[in-house]
Amino acid sequence: EVQLVESGGGLVQPGGSLRLSCSASGFTFSRYAMSWFRQAPGKERELVASITAGSGIASYTDSVKGRFTISRDNAKDTVYLQMMRAKPEDTAVYYCAQISGNYWGQGTQVTVSS
């Protein structure tokens, strides 16, 4: 059974940092690209960042470029999203996903507020 379990969400002040983790199981993690999505209240879910299998090439939506970093540790079957210089508009539920198999985590809430 495939499982994706996110952790690390919470409340962060504007300008602050937070690291999200997603622990994967039930598939050969290193062979698959992984992604982070987010969904803010009243908005559609959007792709935030992706990282390829193998060489781990990252890509980002424009609004987070230069502030967020996606990375992966294939030895730990875990993908990370390092958030820096957080903005109130980053407030959302963040989801980890393995798109090729349409697998999703349960989401973790990130709130950016003073």
PDB file of N, CA and C in Angstrom:
ATOM      1  N   GLU A   1       0.837  -1.185   0.000  1.00  0.00           N
ATOM      2  CA  GLU A   1       0.000   0.000   0.000  1.00  0.00           C
ATOM      3  C   GLU A   1       0.882   1.249   0.000  1.00  0.00           C
ATOM      4  N   VAL A   2       0.600   2.122  -0.938  1.00  0.00           N
ATOM      5  CA  VAL A   2       1.360   3.372  -1.007  1.00  0.00           C
ATOM      6  C   VAL A   2       0.865   4.330   0.073  1.00  0.00           C
ATOM      7  N   GLN A   3       1.830   4.916   0.779  1.00  0.00           N
ATOM      8  CA  GLN A   3       1.503   5.942   1.770  1.00  0.00           C
ATOM      9  C   GLN A   3       2.451   7.116   1.630  1.00  0.00           C
ATOM     10  N   LEU A   4       1.888   8.299   1.717  1.00  0.00           N
ATOM     11  CA  LEU A   4       2.657   9.544   1.760  1.00  0.00           C
ATOM     12  C   LEU A   4       2.201  10.299   3.002  1.00  0.00           C
ATOM     13  N   VAL A   5       3.138  10.576   3.897  1.00  0.00           N
ATOM     14  CA  VAL A   5       2.790  11.197   5.167  1.00  0.00           C
ATOM     15  C   VAL A   5       3.582  12.488   5.329  1.00  0.00           C
ATOM     16  N   GLU A   6       2.863  13.606   5.308  1.00  0.00           N
ATOM     17  CA  GLU A   6       3.506  14.909   5.470  1.00  0.00           C
ATOM     18  C   GLU A   6       3.629  15.266   6.944  1.00  0.00           C
ATOM     19  N   SER A   7       4.630  16.076   7.229  1.00  0.00           N
ATOM     20  CA  SER A   7       4.800  16.618   8.577  1.00  0.00           C
ATOM     21  C   SER A   7       5.550  17.938   8.474  1.00  0.00           C
ATOM     22  N   GLY A   8       5.542  18.676   9.580  1.00  0.00           N
ATOM     23  CA  GLY A   8       6.319  19.906   9.644  1.00  0.00           C
ATOM     24  C   GLY A   8       5.525  21.184   9.471  1.00  0.00           C
ATOM     25  N   GLY A   9       4.244  21.070   9.201  1.00  0.00           N
ATOM     26  CA  GLY A   9       3.432  22.275   9.049  1.00  0.00           C
ATOM     27  C   GLY A   9       3.234  22.972  10.385  1.00  0.00           C
ATOM     28  N   GLY A  10       2.677  24.178  10.324  1.00  0.00           N
ATOM     29  CA  GLY A  10       2.420  24.924  11.541  1.00  0.00           C
ATOM     30  C   GLY A  10       2.293  26.403  11.258  1.00  0.00           C
ATOM     31  N   LEU A  11       2.457  27.172  12.317  1.00  0.00           N
ATOM     32  CA  LEU A  11       2.364  28.628  12.225  1.00  0.00           C
ATOM     33  C   LEU A  11       3.765  29.211  12.114  1.00  0.00           C
ATOM     34  N   VAL A  12       3.946  30.097  11.160  1.00  0.00           N
ATOM     35  CA  VAL A  12       5.237  30.762  10.983  1.00  0.00           C
ATOM     36  C   VAL A  12       4.975  32.246  10.730  1.00  0.00           C
ATOM     37  N   GLN A  13       5.847  33.072  11.244  1.00  0.00           N
ATOM     38  CA  GLN A  13       5.701  34.509  11.045  1.00  0.00           C
ATOM     39  C   GLN A  13       6.146  34.904   9.645  1.00  0.00           C
ATOM     40  N   PRO A  14       5.589  35.966   9.121  1.00  0.00           N
ATOM     41  CA  PRO A  14       6.073  36.457   7.824  1.00  0.00           C
ATOM     42  C   PRO A  14       7.580  36.685   7.864  1.00  0.00           C
ATOM     43  N   GLY A  15       8.245  36.211   6.828  1.00  0.00           N
ATOM     44  CA  GLY A  15       9.700  36.288   6.771  1.00  0.00           C
ATOM     45  C   GLY A  15      10.396  35.103   7.388  1.00  0.00           C
ATOM     46  N   GLY A  16       9.640  34.238   8.035  1.00  0.00           N
ATOM     47  CA  GLY A  16      10.223  33.086   8.712  1.00  0.00           C
ATOM     48  C   GLY A  16      10.405  31.889   7.802  1.00  0.00           C
ATOM     49  N   SER A  17      10.869  30.798   8.406  1.00  0.00           N
ATOM     50  CA  SER A  17      11.186  29.581   7.663  1.00  0.00           C
ATOM     51  C   SER A  17      10.474  28.378   8.269  1.00  0.00           C
ATOM     52  N   LEU A  18      10.270  27.402   7.430  1.00  0.00           N
ATOM     53  CA  LEU A  18       9.615  26.160   7.845  1.00  0.00           C
ATOM     54  C   LEU A  18      10.069  25.067   6.886  1.00  0.00           C
ATOM     55  N   ARG A  19      10.244  23.864   7.401  1.00  0.00           N
ATOM     56  CA  ARG A  19      10.588  22.748   6.535  1.00  0.00           C
ATOM     57  C   ARG A  19       9.520  21.668   6.618  1.00  0.00           C
ATOM     58  N   LEU A  20       8.955  21.340   5.489  1.00  0.00           N
ATOM     59  CA  LEU A  20       7.980  20.264   5.395  1.00  0.00           C
ATOM     60  C   LEU A  20       8.691  18.983   4.966  1.00  0.00           C
ATOM     61  N   SER A  21       8.226  17.876   5.501  1.00  0.00           N
ATOM     62  CA  SER A  21       8.756  16.567   5.131  1.00  0.00           C
ATOM     63  C   SER A  21       7.619  15.678   4.649  1.00  0.00           C
ATOM     64  N   CYS A  22       7.941  14.765   3.757  1.00  0.00           N
ATOM     65  CA  CYS A  22       6.970  13.789   3.286  1.00  0.00           C
ATOM     66  C   CYS A  22       7.663  12.434   3.224  1.00  0.00           C
ATOM     67  N   SER A  23       7.219  11.540   4.085  1.00  0.00           N
ATOM     68  CA  SER A  23       7.785  10.203   4.142  1.00  0.00           C
ATOM     69  C   SER A  23       6.948   9.273   3.274  1.00  0.00           C
ATOM     70  N   ALA A  24       7.614   8.563   2.375  1.00  0.00           N
ATOM     71  CA  ALA A  24       6.917   7.701   1.410  1.00  0.00           C
ATOM     72  C   ALA A  24       7.169   6.233   1.722  1.00  0.00           C
ATOM     73  N   SER A  25       6.193   5.407   1.390  1.00  0.00           N
ATOM     74  CA  SER A  25       6.339   3.961   1.520  1.00  0.00           C
ATOM     75  C   SER A  25       5.417   3.275   0.519  1.00  0.00           C
ATOM     76  N   GLY A  26       5.733   2.021   0.225  1.00  0.00           N
ATOM     77  CA  GLY A  26       4.873   1.233  -0.651  1.00  0.00           C
ATOM     78  C   GLY A  26       5.252   1.273  -2.120  1.00  0.00           C
ATOM     79  N   PHE A  27       6.324   1.985  -2.463  1.00  0.00           N
ATOM     80  CA  PHE A  27       6.808   1.995  -3.838  1.00  0.00           C
ATOM     81  C   PHE A  27       8.306   2.312  -3.804  1.00  0.00           C
ATOM     82  N   THR A  28       8.967   2.102  -4.940  1.00  0.00           N
ATOM     83  CA  THR A  28      10.409   2.353  -5.019  1.00  0.00           C
ATOM     84  C   THR A  28      10.617   3.850  -5.211  1.00  0.00           C
ATOM     85  N   PHE A  29      10.806   4.525  -4.098  1.00  0.00           N
ATOM     86  CA  PHE A  29      10.803   5.989  -4.046  1.00  0.00           C
ATOM     87  C   PHE A  29      11.769   6.608  -5.053  1.00  0.00           C
ATOM     88  N   SER A  30      12.963   6.058  -5.144  1.00  0.00           N
ATOM     89  CA  SER A  30      14.013   6.686  -5.959  1.00  0.00           C
ATOM     90  C   SER A  30      13.673   6.717  -7.444  1.00  0.00           C
ATOM     91  N   ARG A  31      12.722   5.940  -7.871  1.00  0.00           N
ATOM     92  CA  ARG A  31      12.395   5.829  -9.293  1.00  0.00           C
ATOM     93  C   ARG A  31      11.351   6.835  -9.752  1.00  0.00           C
ATOM     94  N   TYR A  32      10.801   7.611  -8.814  1.00  0.00           N
ATOM     95  CA  TYR A  32       9.673   8.464  -9.158  1.00  0.00           C
ATOM     96  C   TYR A  32       9.923   9.932  -8.837  1.00  0.00           C
ATOM     97  N   ALA A  33       9.450  10.790  -9.739  1.00  0.00           N
ATOM     98  CA  ALA A  33       9.410  12.207  -9.436  1.00  0.00           C
ATOM     99  C   ALA A  33       8.402  12.454  -8.319  1.00  0.00           C
ATOM    100  N   MET A  34       8.677  13.459  -7.520  1.00  0.00           N
ATOM    101  CA  MET A  34       7.795  13.821  -6.408  1.00  0.00           C
ATOM    102  C   MET A  34       7.460  15.304  -6.494  1.00  0.00           C
ATOM    103  N   SER A  35       6.314  15.648  -5.965  1.00  0.00           N
ATOM    104  CA  SER A  35       5.843  17.036  -6.066  1.00  0.00           C
ATOM    105  C   SER A  35       5.220  17.494  -4.753  1.00  0.00           C
ATOM    106  N   TRP A  36       5.224  18.802  -4.582  1.00  0.00           N
ATOM    107  CA  TRP A  36       4.464  19.455  -3.519  1.00  0.00           C
ATOM    108  C   TRP A  36       3.413  20.351  -4.179  1.00  0.00           C
ATOM    109  N   PHE A  37       2.200  20.228  -3.693  1.00  0.00           N
ATOM    110  CA  PHE A  37       1.094  21.089  -4.106  1.00  0.00           C
ATOM    111  C   PHE A  37       0.609  21.848  -2.870  1.00  0.00           C
ATOM    112  N   ARG A  38      -0.192  22.873  -3.108  1.00  0.00           N
ATOM    113  CA  ARG A  38      -0.842  23.551  -1.994  1.00  0.00           C
ATOM    114  C   ARG A  38      -2.234  24.026  -2.424  1.00  0.00           C
ATOM    115  N   GLN A  39      -3.079  24.159  -1.427  1.00  0.00           N
ATOM    116  CA  GLN A  39      -4.425  24.651  -1.679  1.00  0.00           C
ATOM    117  C   GLN A  39      -4.816  25.623  -0.580  1.00  0.00           C
ATOM    118  N   ALA A  40      -5.026  26.859  -0.987  1.00  0.00           N
ATOM    119  CA  ALA A  40      -5.455  27.889  -0.055  1.00  0.00           C
ATOM    120  C   ALA A  40      -6.981  27.919  -0.006  1.00  0.00           C
ATOM    121  N   PRO A  41      -7.554  28.442   1.061  1.00  0.00           N
ATOM    122  CA  PRO A  41      -9.019  28.502   1.172  1.00  0.00           C
ATOM    123  C   PRO A  41      -9.641  29.228  -0.015  1.00  0.00           C
ATOM    124  N   GLY A  42     -10.609  28.594  -0.634  1.00  0.00           N
ATOM    125  CA  GLY A  42     -11.322  29.208  -1.750  1.00  0.00           C
ATOM    126  C   GLY A  42     -10.577  29.203  -3.072  1.00  0.00           C
ATOM    127  N   LYS A  43      -9.422  28.550  -3.096  1.00  0.00           N
ATOM    128  CA  LYS A  43      -8.620  28.520  -4.321  1.00  0.00           C
ATOM    129  C   LYS A  43      -8.404  27.088  -4.786  1.00  0.00           C
ATOM    130  N   GLU A  44      -8.017  26.964  -6.047  1.00  0.00           N
ATOM    131  CA  GLU A  44      -7.712  25.644  -6.586  1.00  0.00           C
ATOM    132  C   GLU A  44      -6.340  25.174  -6.104  1.00  0.00           C
ATOM    133  N   ARG A  45      -6.180  23.862  -6.086  1.00  0.00           N
ATOM    134  CA  ARG A  45      -4.886  23.302  -5.730  1.00  0.00           C
ATOM    135  C   ARG A  45      -3.878  23.677  -6.810  1.00  0.00           C
ATOM    136  N   GLU A  46      -2.678  24.084  -6.392  1.00  0.00           N
ATOM    137  CA  GLU A  46      -1.654  24.471  -7.352  1.00  0.00           C
ATOM    138  C   GLU A  46      -0.353  23.727  -7.091  1.00  0.00           C
ATOM    139  N   LEU A  47       0.376  23.480  -8.171  1.00  0.00           N
ATOM    140  CA  LEU A  47       1.680  22.851  -8.073  1.00  0.00           C
ATOM    141  C   LEU A  47       2.691  23.873  -7.571  1.00  0.00           C
ATOM    142  N   VAL A  48       3.408  23.523  -6.529  1.00  0.00           N
ATOM    143  CA  VAL A  48       4.415  24.420  -5.941  1.00  0.00           C
ATOM    144  C   VAL A  48       5.808  24.079  -6.449  1.00  0.00           C
ATOM    145  N   ALA A  49       6.164  22.795  -6.381  1.00  0.00           N
ATOM    146  CA  ALA A  49       7.513  22.385  -6.755  1.00  0.00           C
ATOM    147  C   ALA A  49       7.517  20.901  -7.083  1.00  0.00           C
ATOM    148  N   SER A  50       8.455  20.524  -7.953  1.00  0.00           N
ATOM    149  CA  SER A  50       8.642  19.125  -8.304  1.00  0.00           C
ATOM    150  C   SER A  50      10.120  18.815  -8.352  1.00  0.00           C
ATOM    151  N   ILE A  51      10.432  17.543  -8.154  1.00  0.00           N
ATOM    152  CA  ILE A  51      11.810  17.099  -8.254  1.00  0.00           C
ATOM    153  C   ILE A  51      11.824  15.766  -8.979  1.00  0.00           C
ATOM    154  N   THR A  52      12.723  15.648  -9.947  1.00  0.00           N
ATOM    155  CA  THR A  52      12.761  14.434 -10.750  1.00  0.00           C
ATOM    156  C   THR A  52      13.392  13.284  -9.974  1.00  0.00           C
ATOM    157  N   ALA A  53      13.172  12.098 -10.469  1.00  0.00           N
ATOM    158  CA  ALA A  53      13.904  10.942  -9.949  1.00  0.00           C
ATOM    159  C   ALA A  53      15.343  11.045 -10.436  1.00  0.00           C
ATOM    160  N   GLY A  54      16.192  10.156  -9.965  1.00  0.00           N
ATOM    161  CA  GLY A  54      17.564  10.135 -10.452  1.00  0.00           C
ATOM    162  C   GLY A  54      18.346  11.385 -10.062  1.00  0.00           C
ATOM    163  N   SER A  55      18.577  12.264 -11.003  1.00  0.00           N
ATOM    164  CA  SER A  55      19.428  13.442 -10.772  1.00  0.00           C
ATOM    165  C   SER A  55      18.784  14.492  -9.888  1.00  0.00           C
ATOM    166  N   GLY A  56      17.493  14.387  -9.646  1.00  0.00           N
ATOM    167  CA  GLY A  56      16.839  15.302  -8.718  1.00  0.00           C
ATOM    168  C   GLY A  56      16.788  16.740  -9.207  1.00  0.00           C
ATOM    169  N   ILE A  57      16.419  16.945 -10.446  1.00  0.00           N
ATOM    170  CA  ILE A  57      16.273  18.295 -10.979  1.00  0.00           C
ATOM    171  C   ILE A  57      14.970  18.880 -10.461  1.00  0.00           C
ATOM    172  N   ALA A  58      15.076  20.110  -9.937  1.00  0.00           N
ATOM    173  CA  ALA A  58      13.925  20.749  -9.307  1.00  0.00           C
ATOM    174  C   ALA A  58      13.300  21.793 -10.224  1.00  0.00           C
ATOM    175  N   SER A  59      12.012  22.004 -10.037  1.00  0.00           N
ATOM    176  CA  SER A  59      11.303  23.071 -10.732  1.00  0.00           C
ATOM    177  C   SER A  59      10.291  23.674  -9.769  1.00  0.00           C
ATOM    178  N   TYR A  60       9.960  24.969  -9.997  1.00  0.00           N
ATOM    179  CA  TYR A  60       9.127  25.703  -9.052  1.00  0.00           C
ATOM    180  C   TYR A  60       8.120  26.586  -9.773  1.00  0.00           C
ATOM    181  N   THR A  61       7.005  26.816  -9.111  1.00  0.00           N
ATOM    182  CA  THR A  61       6.104  27.839  -9.606  1.00  0.00           C
ATOM    183  C   THR A  61       6.737  29.209  -9.337  1.00  0.00           C
ATOM    184  N   ASP A  62       6.410  30.182 -10.169  1.00  0.00           N
ATOM    185  CA  ASP A  62       7.103  31.473 -10.097  1.00  0.00           C
ATOM    186  C   ASP A  62       7.002  32.138  -8.726  1.00  0.00           C
ATOM    187  N   SER A  63       5.880  31.973  -8.056  1.00  0.00           N
ATOM    188  CA  SER A  63       5.665  32.699  -6.805  1.00  0.00           C
ATOM    189  C   SER A  63       6.568  32.239  -5.661  1.00  0.00           C
ATOM    190  N   VAL A  64       7.205  31.083  -5.801  1.00  0.00           N
ATOM    191  CA  VAL A  64       8.059  30.590  -4.724  1.00  0.00           C
ATOM    192  C   VAL A  64       9.523  30.494  -5.135  1.00  0.00           C
ATOM    193  N   LYS A  65       9.833  30.783  -6.379  1.00  0.00           N
ATOM    194  CA  LYS A  65      11.221  30.708  -6.833  1.00  0.00           C
ATOM    195  C   LYS A  65      12.111  31.614  -6.003  1.00  0.00           C
ATOM    196  N   GLY A  66      13.245  31.060  -5.578  1.00  0.00           N
ATOM    197  CA  GLY A  66      14.176  31.835  -4.770  1.00  0.00           C
ATOM    198  C   GLY A  66      13.850  31.821  -3.285  1.00  0.00           C
ATOM    199  N   ARG A  67      12.697  31.296  -2.907  1.00  0.00           N
ATOM    200  CA  ARG A  67      12.304  31.222  -1.495  1.00  0.00           C
ATOM    201  C   ARG A  67      12.132  29.788  -1.003  1.00  0.00           C
ATOM    202  N   PHE A  68      11.650  28.922  -1.855  1.00  0.00           N
ATOM    203  CA  PHE A  68      11.419  27.520  -1.484  1.00  0.00           C
ATOM    204  C   PHE A  68      12.451  26.633  -2.166  1.00  0.00           C
ATOM    205  N   THR A  69      12.799  25.544  -1.499  1.00  0.00           N
ATOM    206  CA  THR A  69      13.698  24.551  -2.070  1.00  0.00           C
ATOM    207  C   THR A  69      13.125  23.162  -1.851  1.00  0.00           C
ATOM    208  N   ILE A  70      12.956  22.417  -2.926  1.00  0.00           N
ATOM    209  CA  ILE A  70      12.536  21.030  -2.820  1.00  0.00           C
ATOM    210  C   ILE A  70      13.789  20.151  -2.909  1.00  0.00           C
ATOM    211  N   SER A  71      13.807  19.110  -2.092  1.00  0.00           N
ATOM    212  CA  SER A  71      14.934  18.183  -2.121  1.00  0.00           C
ATOM    213  C   SER A  71      14.430  16.795  -1.750  1.00  0.00           C
ATOM    214  N   ARG A  72      15.260  15.812  -1.968  1.00  0.00           N
ATOM    215  CA  ARG A  72      14.871  14.447  -1.645  1.00  0.00           C
ATOM    216  C   ARG A  72      16.043  13.683  -1.082  1.00  0.00           C
ATOM    217  N   ASP A  73      15.743  12.733  -0.220  1.00  0.00           N
ATOM    218  CA  ASP A  73      16.724  11.821   0.337  1.00  0.00           C
ATOM    219  C   ASP A  73      16.241  10.414   0.010  1.00  0.00           C
ATOM    220  N   ASN A  74      16.812   9.836  -1.021  1.00  0.00           N
ATOM    221  CA  ASN A  74      16.334   8.523  -1.465  1.00  0.00           C
ATOM    222  C   ASN A  74      16.650   7.420  -0.443  1.00  0.00           C
ATOM    223  N   ALA A  75      17.657   7.638   0.377  1.00  0.00           N
ATOM    224  CA  ALA A  75      17.986   6.652   1.409  1.00  0.00           C
ATOM    225  C   ALA A  75      16.912   6.610   2.495  1.00  0.00           C
ATOM    226  N   LYS A  76      16.219   7.727   2.659  1.00  0.00           N
ATOM    227  CA  LYS A  76      15.182   7.824   3.689  1.00  0.00           C
ATOM    228  C   LYS A  76      13.775   7.827   3.100  1.00  0.00           C
ATOM    229  N   ASP A  77      13.673   7.712   1.777  1.00  0.00           N
ATOM    230  CA  ASP A  77      12.365   7.734   1.111  1.00  0.00           C
ATOM    231  C   ASP A  77      11.565   8.973   1.522  1.00  0.00           C
ATOM    232  N   THR A  78      12.225  10.094   1.503  1.00  0.00           N
ATOM    233  CA  THR A  78      11.618  11.321   1.995  1.00  0.00           C
ATOM    234  C   THR A  78      11.896  12.478   1.033  1.00  0.00           C
ATOM    235  N   VAL A  79      10.872  13.291   0.841  1.00  0.00           N
ATOM    236  CA  VAL A  79      11.016  14.520   0.069  1.00  0.00           C
ATOM    237  C   VAL A  79      10.716  15.696   0.996  1.00  0.00           C
ATOM    238  N   TYR A  80      11.442  16.782   0.803  1.00  0.00           N
ATOM    239  CA  TYR A  80      11.347  17.942   1.678  1.00  0.00           C
ATOM    240  C   TYR A  80      10.939  19.185   0.883  1.00  0.00           C
ATOM    241  N   LEU A  81      10.360  20.123   1.596  1.00  0.00           N
ATOM    242  CA  LEU A  81      10.126  21.451   1.038  1.00  0.00           C
ATOM    243  C   LEU A  81      10.575  22.462   2.084  1.00  0.00           C
ATOM    244  N   GLN A  82      11.706  23.097   1.802  1.00  0.00           N
ATOM    245  CA  GLN A  82      12.210  24.137   2.692  1.00  0.00           C
ATOM    246  C   GLN A  82      11.598  25.457   2.268  1.00  0.00           C
ATOM    247  N   MET A  83      10.876  26.075   3.173  1.00  0.00           N
ATOM    248  CA  MET A  83      10.231  27.350   2.900  1.00  0.00           C
ATOM    249  C   MET A  83      10.999  28.438   3.635  1.00  0.00           C
ATOM    250  N   MET A  84      11.371  29.481   2.921  1.00  0.00           N
ATOM    251  CA  MET A  84      12.065  30.613   3.526  1.00  0.00           C
ATOM    252  C   MET A  84      11.367  31.909   3.113  1.00  0.00           C
ATOM    253  N   ARG A  85      11.607  32.945   3.868  1.00  0.00           N
ATOM    254  CA  ARG A  85      10.993  34.267   3.617  1.00  0.00           C
ATOM    255  C   ARG A  85       9.499  34.094   3.345  1.00  0.00           C
ATOM    256  N   ALA A  86       8.858  33.391   4.261  1.00  0.00           N
ATOM    257  CA  ALA A  86       7.439  33.057   4.093  1.00  0.00           C
ATOM    258  C   ALA A  86       6.586  34.318   4.014  1.00  0.00           C
ATOM    259  N   LYS A  87       5.527  34.222   3.225  1.00  0.00           N
ATOM    260  CA  LYS A  87       4.590  35.327   3.030  1.00  0.00           C
ATOM    261  C   LYS A  87       3.184  34.875   3.438  1.00  0.00           C
ATOM    262  N   PRO A  88       2.340  35.801   3.835  1.00  0.00           N
ATOM    263  CA  PRO A  88       0.959  35.402   4.178  1.00  0.00           C
ATOM    264  C   PRO A  88       0.264  34.643   3.052  1.00  0.00           C
ATOM    265  N   GLU A  89       0.590  34.971   1.820  1.00  0.00           N
ATOM    266  CA  GLU A  89      -0.042  34.275   0.687  1.00  0.00           C
ATOM    267  C   GLU A  89       0.450  32.840   0.513  1.00  0.00           C
ATOM    268  N   ASP A  90       1.430  32.428   1.304  1.00  0.00           N
ATOM    269  CA  ASP A  90       1.863  31.025   1.309  1.00  0.00           C
ATOM    270  C   ASP A  90       0.958  30.170   2.201  1.00  0.00           C
ATOM    271  N   THR A  91       0.061  30.796   2.923  1.00  0.00           N
ATOM    272  CA  THR A  91      -0.850  30.053   3.798  1.00  0.00           C
ATOM    273  C   THR A  91      -1.722  29.111   2.965  1.00  0.00           C
ATOM    274  N   ALA A  92      -1.668  27.831   3.322  1.00  0.00           N
ATOM    275  CA  ALA A  92      -2.398  26.816   2.559  1.00  0.00           C
ATOM    276  C   ALA A  92      -2.204  25.460   3.231  1.00  0.00           C
ATOM    277  N   VAL A  93      -2.955  24.493   2.753  1.00  0.00           N
ATOM    278  CA  VAL A  93      -2.660  23.093   3.080  1.00  0.00           C
ATOM    279  C   VAL A  93      -1.696  22.599   2.006  1.00  0.00           C
ATOM    280  N   TYR A  94      -0.591  22.045   2.458  1.00  0.00           N
ATOM    281  CA  TYR A  94       0.444  21.560   1.548  1.00  0.00           C
ATOM    282  C   TYR A  94       0.356  20.043   1.433  1.00  0.00           C
ATOM    283  N   TYR A  95       0.391  19.566   0.195  1.00  0.00           N
ATOM    284  CA  TYR A  95       0.263  18.144  -0.091  1.00  0.00           C
ATOM    285  C   TYR A  95       1.498  17.629  -0.824  1.00  0.00           C
ATOM    286  N   CYS A  96       1.917  16.481  -0.430  1.00  0.00           N
ATOM    287  CA  CYS A  96       2.960  15.745  -1.129  1.00  0.00           C
ATOM    288  C   CYS A  96       2.267  14.808  -2.114  1.00  0.00           C
ATOM    289  N   ALA A  97       2.859  14.626  -3.301  1.00  0.00           N
ATOM    290  CA  ALA A  97       2.221  13.769  -4.288  1.00  0.00           C
ATOM    291  C   ALA A  97       3.234  13.041  -5.155  1.00  0.00           C
ATOM    292  N   GLN A  98       2.880  11.842  -5.515  1.00  0.00           N
ATOM    293  CA  GLN A  98       3.580  11.084  -6.562  1.00  0.00           C
ATOM    294  C   GLN A  98       2.582  11.032  -7.709  1.00  0.00           C
ATOM    295  N   ILE A  99       2.772  11.901  -8.669  1.00  0.00           N
ATOM    296  CA  ILE A  99       1.739  12.156  -9.678  1.00  0.00           C
ATOM    297  C   ILE A  99       1.534  10.967 -10.605  1.00  0.00           C
ATOM    298  N   SER A 100       2.604  10.268 -10.960  1.00  0.00           N
ATOM    299  CA  SER A 100       2.458   9.211 -11.957  1.00  0.00           C
ATOM    300  C   SER A 100       1.488   8.128 -11.496  1.00  0.00           C
ATOM    301  N   GLY A 101       1.450   7.899 -10.191  1.00  0.00           N
ATOM    302  CA  GLY A 101       0.524   6.918  -9.650  1.00  0.00           C
ATOM    303  C   GLY A 101      -0.714   7.536  -9.040  1.00  0.00           C
ATOM    304  N   ASN A 102      -0.815   8.869  -9.110  1.00  0.00           N
ATOM    305  CA  ASN A 102      -1.918   9.611  -8.501  1.00  0.00           C
ATOM    306  C   ASN A 102      -2.036   9.309  -7.011  1.00  0.00           C
ATOM    307  N   TYR A 103      -0.896   9.368  -6.332  1.00  0.00           N
ATOM    308  CA  TYR A 103      -0.880   9.157  -4.893  1.00  0.00           C
ATOM    309  C   TYR A 103      -0.677  10.489  -4.187  1.00  0.00           C
ATOM    310  N   TRP A 104      -1.437  10.706  -3.101  1.00  0.00           N
ATOM    311  CA  TRP A 104      -1.407  11.969  -2.390  1.00  0.00           C
ATOM    312  C   TRP A 104      -1.329  11.722  -0.882  1.00  0.00           C
ATOM    313  N   GLY A 105      -0.666  12.635  -0.212  1.00  0.00           N
ATOM    314  CA  GLY A 105      -0.693  12.610   1.234  1.00  0.00           C
ATOM    315  C   GLY A 105      -1.953  13.273   1.751  1.00  0.00           C
ATOM    316  N   GLN A 106      -2.059  13.311   3.083  1.00  0.00           N
ATOM    317  CA  GLN A 106      -3.269  13.862   3.697  1.00  0.00           C
ATOM    318  C   GLN A 106      -3.200  15.375   3.844  1.00  0.00           C
ATOM    319  N   GLY A 107      -2.025  15.930   3.665  1.00  0.00           N
ATOM    320  CA  GLY A 107      -1.849  17.378   3.741  1.00  0.00           C
ATOM    321  C   GLY A 107      -1.407  17.840   5.117  1.00  0.00           C
ATOM    322  N   THR A 108      -0.700  18.960   5.115  1.00  0.00           N
ATOM    323  CA  THR A 108      -0.282  19.595   6.363  1.00  0.00           C
ATOM    324  C   THR A 108      -0.520  21.097   6.238  1.00  0.00           C
ATOM    325  N   GLN A 109      -1.101  21.677   7.278  1.00  0.00           N
ATOM    326  CA  GLN A 109      -1.476  23.090   7.240  1.00  0.00           C
ATOM    327  C   GLN A 109      -0.279  23.973   7.516  1.00  0.00           C
ATOM    328  N   VAL A 110      -0.083  24.969   6.677  1.00  0.00           N
ATOM    329  CA  VAL A 110       0.922  26.002   6.905  1.00  0.00           C
ATOM    330  C   VAL A 110       0.197  27.342   6.974  1.00  0.00           C
ATOM    331  N   THR A 111       0.415  28.054   8.069  1.00  0.00           N
ATOM    332  CA  THR A 111      -0.191  29.365   8.246  1.00  0.00           C
ATOM    333  C   THR A 111       0.912  30.384   8.474  1.00  0.00           C
ATOM    334  N   VAL A 112       0.931  31.405   7.635  1.00  0.00           N
ATOM    335  CA  VAL A 112       1.923  32.469   7.753  1.00  0.00           C
ATOM    336  C   VAL A 112       1.206  33.708   8.277  1.00  0.00           C
ATOM    337  N   SER A 113       1.493  34.043   9.514  1.00  0.00           N
ATOM    338  CA  SER A 113       0.788  35.137  10.157  1.00  0.00           C
ATOM    339  C   SER A 113       1.580  35.640  11.352  1.00  0.00           C
ATOM    340  N   SER A 114       1.439  36.915  11.637  1.00  0.00           N
ATOM    341  CA  SER A 114       2.069  37.485  12.823  1.00  0.00           C
ATOM    342  C   SER A 114       1.087  37.474  13.989  1.00  0.00           C
TER     343      SER A 114
END
